[in-house]
Amino acid sequence: MSRKREVCARGGPTAASTTGVASPCINVCRMDEATGWCEGCLRTIDEIAAWGSLGDDDKRAVWRRLEERRVVWDAARRSAEAAR
C-alpha cells in the first residue's frame, strides 16, 4: 500500500478566509500516512477540514504548529536523502 493518499485541494496558497488569516494550503494535497500530515501544507486532515470554521486565534495556533512541523519534516527529508 502506498504511504501517500491523495486528497482534494482546499483553498490556495494565499487564500484568506473572511477573518483574514491566510490558508497554508499550497495545492499540493497528498496525505503522508506515516505522519498524518499533508505533504504540501503539513496540516492534519482534521485541521484541513476545520479550517473554514476556525476563528483567527485557532488559525494562528495551527500556523504555529506548522512551523514546528516544518522543522521535523525538513529534517526527515534531509535524513532520507542522505541515506540514499
C-alpha atoms as a PDB file:
ATOM      1  CA  MET A   1       0.000   0.000   0.000  1.00  0.00           C
ATOM      2  CA  SER A   2       1.239   3.474  -0.834  1.00  0.00           C
ATOM      3  CA  ARG A   3       2.353   5.692   2.021  1.00  0.00           C
ATOM      4  CA  LYS A   4       0.589   8.615   0.357  1.00  0.00           C
ATOM      5  CA  ARG A   5      -3.089   9.268  -0.075  1.00  0.00           C
ATOM      6  CA  GLU A   6      -4.451  11.877  -2.461  1.00  0.00           C
ATOM      7  CA  VAL A   7      -6.899  14.416  -1.074  1.00  0.00           C
ATOM      8  CA  CYS A   8      -8.631  17.319  -2.721  1.00  0.00           C
ATOM      9  CA  ALA A   9      -7.304  20.866  -2.532  1.00  0.00           C
ATOM     10  CA  ARG A  10      -8.924  23.295  -0.143  1.00  0.00           C
ATOM     11  CA  GLY A  11      -8.120  26.914  -0.880  1.00  0.00           C
ATOM     12  CA  GLY A  12      -4.929  28.282  -2.331  1.00  0.00           C
ATOM     13  CA  PRO A  13      -1.506  29.371  -1.201  1.00  0.00           C
ATOM     14  CA  THR A  14      -2.684  32.806  -0.150  1.00  0.00           C
ATOM     15  CA  ALA A  15      -6.403  32.219   0.116  1.00  0.00           C
ATOM     16  CA  ALA A  16      -7.660  34.279   3.023  1.00  0.00           C
ATOM     17  CA  SER A  17     -10.819  33.461   4.905  1.00  0.00           C
ATOM     18  CA  THR A  18     -13.371  36.090   5.815  1.00  0.00           C
ATOM     19  CA  THR A  19     -11.382  36.632   9.012  1.00  0.00           C
ATOM     20  CA  GLY A  20      -8.195  37.439   7.123  1.00  0.00           C
ATOM     21  CA  VAL A  21      -5.859  34.636   8.264  1.00  0.00           C
ATOM     22  CA  ALA A  22      -4.415  33.085   5.115  1.00  0.00           C
ATOM     23  CA  SER A  23      -4.773  29.379   4.483  1.00  0.00           C
ATOM     24  CA  PRO A  24      -1.487  27.459   4.478  1.00  0.00           C
ATOM     25  CA  CYS A  25      -2.694  25.364   1.516  1.00  0.00           C
ATOM     26  CA  ILE A  26      -0.320  25.377  -1.452  1.00  0.00           C
ATOM     27  CA  ASN A  27      -2.384  22.966  -3.574  1.00  0.00           C
ATOM     28  CA  VAL A  28      -0.043  20.007  -3.041  1.00  0.00           C
ATOM     29  CA  CYS A  29      -2.646  17.832  -1.387  1.00  0.00           C
ATOM     30  CA  ARG A  30      -1.243  14.419  -0.503  1.00  0.00           C
ATOM     31  CA  MET A  31      -1.518  12.963   2.959  1.00  0.00           C
ATOM     32  CA  ASP A  32       1.566  11.213   4.297  1.00  0.00           C
ATOM     33  CA  GLU A  33       0.357   8.106   6.113  1.00  0.00           C
ATOM     34  CA  ALA A  34       3.407   7.974   8.398  1.00  0.00           C
ATOM     35  CA  THR A  35       2.887  11.460   9.827  1.00  0.00           C
ATOM     36  CA  GLY A  36      -0.768  12.136   9.030  1.00  0.00           C
ATOM     37  CA  TRP A  37       0.299  15.485   7.566  1.00  0.00           C
ATOM     38  CA  CYS A  38      -0.441  16.920   4.152  1.00  0.00           C
ATOM     39  CA  GLU A  39       2.805  16.977   2.183  1.00  0.00           C
ATOM     40  CA  GLY A  40       2.042  20.485   0.952  1.00  0.00           C
ATOM     41  CA  CYS A  41       0.859  22.431   3.980  1.00  0.00           C
ATOM     42  CA  LEU A  42       1.684  19.949   6.777  1.00  0.00           C
ATOM     43  CA  ARG A  43      -1.801  20.153   8.289  1.00  0.00           C
ATOM     44  CA  THR A  44      -3.653  17.100   9.510  1.00  0.00           C
ATOM     45  CA  ILE A  45      -6.868  16.097   7.763  1.00  0.00           C
ATOM     46  CA  ASP A  46      -8.795  17.363  10.810  1.00  0.00           C
ATOM     47  CA  GLU A  47      -7.080  20.756  10.596  1.00  0.00           C
ATOM     48  CA  ILE A  48      -7.834  20.952   6.874  1.00  0.00           C
ATOM     49  CA  ALA A  49     -11.480  20.054   7.402  1.00  0.00           C
ATOM     50  CA  ALA A  50     -11.937  22.506  10.274  1.00  0.00           C
ATOM     51  CA  TRP A  51     -10.067  25.452   8.738  1.00  0.00           C
ATOM     52  CA  GLY A  52     -13.129  27.258   7.406  1.00  0.00           C
ATOM     53  CA  SER A  53     -14.866  27.249  10.778  1.00  0.00           C
ATOM     54  CA  LEU A  54     -11.850  28.179  12.918  1.00  0.00           C
ATOM     55  CA  GLY A  55     -11.502  31.630  14.416  1.00  0.00           C
ATOM     56  CA  ASP A  56      -8.394  33.758  13.899  1.00  0.00           C
ATOM     57  CA  ASP A  57      -6.735  32.652  17.145  1.00  0.00           C
ATOM     58  CA  ASP A  58      -7.194  28.981  16.292  1.00  0.00           C
ATOM     59  CA  LYS A  59      -5.893  29.529  12.759  1.00  0.00           C
ATOM     60  CA  ARG A  60      -2.811  31.244  14.153  1.00  0.00           C
ATOM     61  CA  ALA A  61      -2.337  28.302  16.525  1.00  0.00           C
ATOM     62  CA  VAL A  62      -2.391  25.956  13.520  1.00  0.00           C
ATOM     63  CA  TRP A  63       0.233  28.144  11.813  1.00  0.00           C
ATOM     64  CA  ARG A  64       2.454  27.894  14.904  1.00  0.00           C
ATOM     65  CA  ARG A  65       2.164  24.089  14.871  1.00  0.00           C
ATOM     66  CA  LEU A  66       3.036  24.108  11.173  1.00  0.00           C
ATOM     67  CA  GLU A  67       6.259  25.989  11.866  1.00  0.00           C
ATOM     68  CA  GLU A  68       7.262  23.257  14.321  1.00  0.00           C
ATOM     69  CA  ARG A  69       6.237  20.503  11.906  1.00  0.00           C
ATOM     70  CA  ARG A  70       8.259  22.086   9.091  1.00  0.00           C
ATOM     71  CA  VAL A  71      11.450  21.639  11.146  1.00  0.00           C
ATOM     72  CA  VAL A  72      10.640  17.950  11.713  1.00  0.00           C
ATOM     73  CA  TRP A  73       9.549  17.431   8.074  1.00  0.00           C
ATOM     74  CA  ASP A  74      12.665  19.054   6.612  1.00  0.00           C
ATOM     75  CA  ALA A  75      14.989  17.106   8.932  1.00  0.00           C
ATOM     76  CA  ALA A  76      13.317  13.823   7.977  1.00  0.00           C
ATOM     77  CA  ARG A  77      13.647  14.619   4.267  1.00  0.00           C
ATOM     78  CA  ARG A  78      17.345  15.533   4.639  1.00  0.00           C
ATOM     79  CA  SER A  79      17.952  12.309   6.560  1.00  0.00           C
ATOM     80  CA  ALA A  80      16.187  10.223   3.899  1.00  0.00           C
ATOM     81  CA  GLU A  81      18.194  11.872   1.135  1.00  0.00           C
ATOM     82  CA  ALA A  82      21.468  11.295   2.974  1.00  0.00           C
ATOM     83  CA  ALA A  83      20.617   7.610   3.388  1.00  0.00           C
ATOM     84  CA  ARG A  84      20.333   7.150  -0.388  1.00  0.00           C
END
